[in-house]
Amino acid sequence: MRLKKKFFALLLLCFSFSFVHAQYEIKPEKGYSTQIGIMVDMLEDLKGRITEMTADLDQAETDFMFDKKANSIGALIMHLVATESYYQVETLKGRTWTEKEEEFWSVASSLGEKSRKELKGKPIKYYLDLWDQVRKETLKGLKTKDDAWFAENVDEGINNHWVWFHVMEHSANHMGQIALVKNRLPE
């Protein structure tokens, strides 16, 4: 009988410990409709984790490429910001990039040889600050929308919810690449 009590006490302790130390709980951000608020919560979580893992990089680490086909962490973050900018303008402002915006973002929007050559020499703070600016506009725009808008199609078979899910999954995908590059940094 004593063994049973100890087992249940240990089980209860482990069970309660897992709740106390839960990593994260997804909840709608205040000020947004429910579904948009949930997406905002996830977008902000990913951005926060990427920022945390990169904020202390020096210039060499920001520009480091472990081989000739790799992208630097700076380029990857700039790519995330360009992607968010594109979908922000398309879904929240109902237009495409202006010629000036296209000129600024095009190198980062499709990673490749040109971005490997051009996206370097700027401190990590430059990329993270730019992301803060774009995200601020995204959050401002999403606050003006509701869940009915979120369900509306922007194209056949693609609704606003999917677009912002894509921005989120894109961040998660490149967060893995950033971690890989960071693990390959020279000691």
Protein backbone atom coordinates (compact mmCIF):
# COMPACT_ATOMS: atom_id res chain seq x y z
CA MET A 1 0.00 0.00 0.00
CA ARG A 2 2.83 2.42 0.84
CA LEU A 3 4.43 1.73 -2.52
CA LYS A 4 1.17 2.61 -4.27
CA LYS A 5 0.96 5.93 -2.37
CA LYS A 6 4.55 6.79 -3.25
CA PHE A 7 3.94 5.93 -6.91
CA PHE A 8 0.82 8.12 -7.08
CA ALA A 9 2.57 10.95 -5.24
CA LEU A 10 5.46 10.76 -7.74
CA LEU A 11 3.01 10.59 -10.65
CA LEU A 12 1.12 13.63 -9.32
CA LEU A 13 4.39 15.53 -8.84
CA CYS A 14 5.53 14.77 -12.40
CA PHE A 15 2.11 15.65 -13.80
CA SER A 16 1.94 18.98 -11.96
CA PHE A 17 5.59 19.76 -12.81
CA SER A 18 4.81 19.42 -16.52
CA PHE A 19 2.04 22.02 -16.22
CA VAL A 20 4.16 24.44 -14.24
CA HIS A 21 7.00 24.21 -16.77
CA ALA A 22 4.93 24.14 -19.96
CA GLN A 23 6.86 25.85 -22.72
CA TYR A 24 4.07 27.78 -24.33
CA GLU A 25 0.34 28.21 -24.54
CA ILE A 26 -1.21 29.60 -27.72
CA LYS A 27 -3.83 32.23 -26.99
CA PRO A 28 -5.34 34.96 -29.15
CA GLU A 29 -3.49 38.24 -28.74
CA LYS A 30 -5.70 40.94 -27.26
CA GLY A 31 -7.00 43.54 -29.70
CA TYR A 32 -7.45 41.08 -32.58
CA SER A 33 -10.30 38.83 -33.67
CA THR A 34 -9.92 35.28 -32.35
CA GLN A 35 -8.37 33.54 -35.36
CA ILE A 36 -6.16 36.48 -36.30
CA GLY A 37 -5.12 36.82 -32.65
CA ILE A 38 -4.01 33.19 -32.59
CA MET A 39 -1.96 33.72 -35.76
CA VAL A 40 -0.42 36.90 -34.33
CA ASP A 41 0.55 34.99 -31.18
CA MET A 42 2.35 32.35 -33.25
CA LEU A 43 3.99 34.89 -35.59
CA GLU A 44 5.28 36.86 -32.63
CA ASP A 45 6.57 33.72 -30.91
CA LEU A 46 8.60 32.68 -33.96
CA LYS A 47 9.95 36.17 -34.50
CA GLY A 48 10.94 36.35 -30.84
CA ARG A 49 12.78 33.03 -30.98
CA ILE A 50 14.65 33.97 -34.16
CA THR A 51 15.55 37.34 -32.67
CA GLU A 52 16.76 35.71 -29.46
CA MET A 53 18.99 33.26 -31.32
CA THR A 54 20.56 35.93 -33.55
CA ALA A 55 20.59 39.26 -31.67
CA ASP A 56 24.15 38.83 -30.36
CA LEU A 57 25.81 37.89 -33.65
CA ASP A 58 28.80 39.93 -34.75
CA GLN A 59 29.37 41.01 -38.35
CA ALA A 60 31.39 37.94 -39.36
CA GLU A 61 28.71 35.65 -37.90
CA THR A 62 25.88 37.61 -39.56
CA ASP A 63 27.55 37.28 -42.98
CA PHE A 64 28.98 33.75 -42.57
CA MET A 65 28.20 31.19 -45.31
CA PHE A 66 29.43 27.66 -44.70
CA ASP A 67 29.66 26.88 -48.40
CA LYS A 68 29.16 28.58 -51.76
CA LYS A 69 25.47 27.64 -51.96
CA ALA A 70 24.55 28.60 -48.40
CA ASN A 71 22.80 31.76 -47.29
CA SER A 72 24.00 33.92 -44.45
CA ILE A 73 21.88 34.48 -41.35
CA GLY A 74 21.51 38.13 -42.35
CA ALA A 75 20.22 37.11 -45.80
CA LEU A 76 17.81 34.59 -44.30
CA ILE A 77 16.33 37.17 -41.95
CA MET A 78 16.12 39.72 -44.76
CA HIS A 79 14.28 37.05 -46.80
CA LEU A 80 11.78 36.57 -43.96
CA VAL A 81 11.20 40.32 -43.78
CA ALA A 82 10.76 40.58 -47.57
CA THR A 83 8.24 37.73 -47.54
CA GLU A 84 6.24 39.36 -44.76
CA SER A 85 6.39 42.71 -46.55
CA TYR A 86 5.08 41.15 -49.76
CA TYR A 87 2.10 39.47 -48.12
CA GLN A 88 1.43 42.47 -45.90
CA VAL A 89 1.12 44.76 -48.91
CA GLU A 90 -0.91 42.24 -50.90
CA THR A 91 -3.40 41.21 -48.20
CA LEU A 92 -3.60 44.22 -45.90
CA LYS A 93 -3.18 47.04 -48.39
CA GLY A 94 -4.71 45.34 -51.45
CA ARG A 95 -1.90 46.13 -53.85
CA THR A 96 1.45 44.87 -55.07
CA TRP A 97 4.84 46.32 -54.27
CA THR A 98 5.58 49.73 -55.74
CA GLU A 99 8.56 49.98 -58.06
CA LYS A 100 10.63 51.38 -55.18
CA GLU A 101 9.56 48.55 -52.83
CA GLU A 102 10.26 45.95 -55.51
CA GLU A 103 13.74 47.39 -56.01
CA PHE A 104 14.46 47.27 -52.28
CA TRP A 105 13.02 43.80 -51.53
CA SER A 106 13.67 41.84 -54.73
CA VAL A 107 17.18 40.68 -53.84
CA ALA A 108 15.94 39.21 -50.57
CA SER A 109 12.64 37.86 -51.86
CA SER A 110 14.36 35.10 -53.81
CA LEU A 111 17.53 33.85 -52.23
CA GLY A 112 20.30 32.93 -54.62
CA GLU A 113 23.60 34.05 -56.09
CA LYS A 114 22.63 37.72 -56.18
CA SER A 115 21.52 37.76 -52.54
CA ARG A 116 24.72 35.96 -51.49
CA LYS A 117 26.71 38.79 -53.09
CA GLU A 118 24.57 41.74 -52.03
CA LEU A 119 23.15 40.86 -48.61
CA LYS A 120 26.20 41.34 -46.48
CA GLY A 121 28.06 44.02 -44.60
CA LYS A 122 25.11 45.10 -42.46
CA PRO A 123 24.94 44.34 -38.75
CA ILE A 124 22.33 41.89 -37.45
CA LYS A 125 20.59 44.85 -35.80
CA TYR A 126 19.85 46.28 -39.26
CA TYR A 127 17.89 43.16 -40.26
CA LEU A 128 16.13 42.80 -36.92
CA ASP A 129 15.17 46.50 -36.82
CA LEU A 130 13.81 46.24 -40.35
CA TRP A 131 11.77 43.21 -39.27
CA ASP A 132 10.45 45.20 -36.29
CA GLN A 133 9.30 47.97 -38.65
CA VAL A 134 7.58 45.60 -41.07
CA ARG A 135 5.99 43.62 -38.23
CA LYS A 136 4.68 46.82 -36.64
CA GLU A 137 2.83 47.59 -39.90
CA THR A 138 1.60 43.99 -40.14
CA LEU A 139 0.18 44.07 -36.62
CA LYS A 140 -1.41 47.46 -37.22
CA GLY A 141 -3.07 46.16 -40.39
CA LEU A 142 -4.22 42.87 -38.85
CA LYS A 143 -5.90 44.80 -36.01
CA THR A 144 -8.24 46.36 -38.57
CA LYS A 145 -9.36 42.95 -39.92
CA ASP A 146 -11.72 40.31 -38.57
CA ASP A 147 -12.12 36.56 -38.88
CA ALA A 148 -14.52 36.92 -41.83
CA TRP A 149 -11.74 38.74 -43.72
CA PHE A 150 -9.29 36.04 -42.62
CA ALA A 151 -11.48 33.43 -44.36
CA GLU A 152 -11.80 35.45 -47.58
CA ASN A 153 -9.95 34.24 -50.67
CA VAL A 154 -7.17 36.36 -52.12
CA ASP A 155 -6.96 34.00 -55.06
CA GLU A 156 -8.73 30.80 -56.02
CA GLY A 157 -8.10 28.27 -53.25
CA ILE A 158 -5.96 30.68 -51.18
CA ASN A 159 -7.47 32.66 -48.34
CA ASN A 160 -5.94 35.29 -46.06
CA HIS A 161 -5.62 32.73 -43.28
CA TRP A 162 -3.45 30.49 -45.49
CA VAL A 163 -1.32 33.45 -46.57
CA TRP A 164 -0.48 34.34 -42.97
CA PHE A 165 -0.03 30.67 -42.09
CA HIS A 166 2.49 30.59 -44.93
CA VAL A 167 4.36 33.58 -43.47
CA MET A 168 4.45 31.72 -40.14
CA GLU A 169 5.59 28.38 -41.59
CA HIS A 170 8.16 30.22 -43.70
CA SER A 171 9.62 31.68 -40.50
CA ALA A 172 9.71 28.26 -38.85
CA ASN A 173 11.41 26.72 -41.87
CA HIS A 174 14.10 29.38 -42.05
CA MET A 175 14.54 29.32 -38.27
CA GLY A 176 15.86 25.79 -38.80
CA GLN A 177 18.25 27.02 -41.48
CA ILE A 178 19.42 29.83 -39.21
CA ALA A 179 20.09 27.29 -36.46
CA LEU A 180 22.07 25.15 -38.92
CA VAL A 181 24.20 28.10 -40.07
CA LYS A 182 24.72 29.15 -36.46
CA ASN A 183 25.89 25.61 -35.59
CA ARG A 184 28.42 25.80 -38.41
CA LEU A 185 29.93 29.13 -37.32
CA PRO A 186 33.70 28.91 -36.96
CA GLU A 187 34.87 28.69 -33.36
